[in-house]
Each structure stands twice: as structure tokens, then as C-alpha cells.
Amino acid sequence: MALDSALEPWVRRLLADFELAGTDIDINEILDLAGDAAHGIVRPAAPLTTYIAGYAAGLAVGAGQAPAAQAMEAAAAHVRSVLAAYLEDQGTEST
């Protein structure tokens, strides 16, 4: 089963069960962000990073600071910025 054909129905089901049907999720962006964390830090950083980014985006949306798409984009950009600074502080580079 191809990755997209497995993930799309899972994401739709999960969103529906959280009463978030119709929420636009950029699966590839989330996977790219997870990959950046996994390769830059260690593999277990991937789910932790995406969870924290999603949580921060959700808080921003809930507080009325940004619409969902903008909040998710901002959270991803912030993660990448923090990751780059962290790797620089550690004297390493992302692969």
C-alpha cells in the first residue's frame, strides 16, 4: 500500500473522530517537518516535534491569533528556525 493511500483515509478518519472534518492538513509538510527533526536530532524527535508544533498551532487558532493554515505554517517555520539554532549551538548540521 502506497504511503498516501494509507495516510489519507487515516487522517480523514482521525479528523472526523475529533470533529475536525474539513480541516485541511498538509500531510507532506508534516512528514517533512518530522523528517527534519528525526534527521537533525534523533528519530524519536519526529513525533514529539510534530505534536508540539500542532499543539502550538492549535493554541494560536483557539486564541484567535491566526487562521488554521497560517498557524500551522508559522509553527512549522518556527520549528525549523529553532532546529537550525539548536543544531548550530550543538555544533552540528541537519542532514
Protein backbone atom coordinates (compact mmCIF):
# COMPACT_ATOMS: atom_id res chain seq x y z
CA MET A 1 0.00 0.00 0.00
CA ALA A 2 1.39 3.39 -1.00
CA LEU A 3 2.07 5.88 1.74
CA ASP A 4 -0.52 8.40 0.53
CA SER A 5 -3.23 5.77 0.11
CA ALA A 6 -2.64 4.63 3.70
CA LEU A 7 -2.34 8.07 5.27
CA GLU A 8 -5.20 9.93 3.55
CA PRO A 9 -8.01 7.71 4.91
CA TRP A 10 -6.37 7.56 8.34
CA VAL A 11 -6.08 11.35 8.54
CA ARG A 12 -9.68 11.82 7.36
CA ARG A 13 -10.92 9.31 9.97
CA LEU A 14 -8.90 10.88 12.76
CA LEU A 15 -10.07 14.39 11.86
CA ALA A 16 -13.69 13.21 11.71
CA ASP A 17 -13.46 11.49 15.08
CA PHE A 18 -12.07 14.69 16.61
CA GLU A 19 -14.91 16.61 14.93
CA LEU A 20 -12.41 18.39 12.70
CA ALA A 21 -13.69 17.12 9.35
CA GLY A 22 -12.93 19.62 6.63
CA THR A 23 -9.70 20.75 8.26
CA ASP A 24 -7.01 21.00 5.60
CA ILE A 25 -3.94 19.02 6.64
CA ASP A 26 -0.75 19.16 4.58
CA ILE A 27 0.47 15.62 5.20
CA ASN A 28 3.67 16.12 3.21
CA GLU A 29 4.58 19.25 5.17
CA ILE A 30 4.06 17.43 8.46
CA LEU A 31 6.13 14.48 7.26
CA ASP A 32 8.87 16.84 6.06
CA LEU A 33 8.89 18.56 9.44
CA ALA A 34 9.09 15.19 11.17
CA GLY A 35 11.95 14.22 8.88
CA ASP A 36 13.83 17.41 9.69
CA ALA A 37 13.54 16.68 13.40
CA ALA A 38 14.41 13.00 13.01
CA HIS A 39 17.50 13.67 10.92
CA GLY A 40 18.59 16.76 12.84
CA ILE A 41 18.17 15.37 16.34
CA VAL A 42 17.20 11.69 16.64
CA ARG A 43 14.27 9.70 15.23
CA PRO A 44 12.11 9.96 18.37
CA ALA A 45 12.24 13.75 17.98
CA ALA A 46 9.90 13.46 14.97
CA PRO A 47 6.62 12.69 16.76
CA LEU A 48 7.47 14.96 19.68
CA THR A 49 8.27 17.86 17.37
CA THR A 50 5.15 17.50 15.25
CA TYR A 51 2.97 17.13 18.35
CA ILE A 52 4.38 20.30 19.91
CA ALA A 53 4.09 22.22 16.62
CA GLY A 54 0.48 21.09 16.22
CA TYR A 55 -0.32 21.94 19.81
CA ALA A 56 1.16 25.43 19.41
CA ALA A 57 -0.76 25.95 16.16
CA GLY A 58 -3.98 24.82 17.83
CA LEU A 59 -3.46 27.22 20.71
CA ALA A 60 -2.88 30.07 18.25
CA VAL A 61 -6.07 29.22 16.37
CA GLY A 62 -8.06 28.84 19.59
CA ALA A 63 -6.86 32.22 20.83
CA GLY A 64 -7.87 33.84 17.55
CA GLN A 65 -4.27 34.76 16.71
CA ALA A 66 -4.32 33.16 13.25
CA PRO A 67 -6.42 31.00 10.95
CA ALA A 68 -5.54 27.30 10.94
CA ALA A 69 -3.42 27.21 7.77
CA GLN A 70 -1.42 30.28 8.80
CA ALA A 71 -0.91 28.94 12.33
CA MET A 72 0.34 25.60 11.03
CA GLU A 73 2.71 27.28 8.58
CA ALA A 74 4.03 29.57 11.31
CA ALA A 75 4.53 26.67 13.71
CA ALA A 76 6.46 24.69 11.09
CA ALA A 77 8.63 27.69 10.25
CA HIS A 78 9.29 28.28 13.94
CA VAL A 79 10.29 24.65 14.48
CA ARG A 80 12.75 24.86 11.59
CA SER A 81 14.21 28.07 12.99
CA VAL A 82 14.60 26.57 16.47
CA LEU A 83 16.06 23.39 14.98
CA ALA A 84 18.66 25.34 13.00
CA ALA A 85 19.64 27.36 16.07
CA TYR A 86 19.78 24.24 18.23
CA LEU A 87 21.99 22.42 15.74
CA GLU A 88 24.25 25.46 15.47
CA ASP A 89 24.52 25.59 19.27
CA GLN A 90 25.41 21.90 19.26
CA GLY A 91 27.97 22.39 16.50
CA THR A 92 26.13 20.10 14.09
CA GLU A 93 24.15 20.50 10.89
CA SER A 94 20.93 18.93 9.73
CA THR A 95 21.38 16.16 7.18
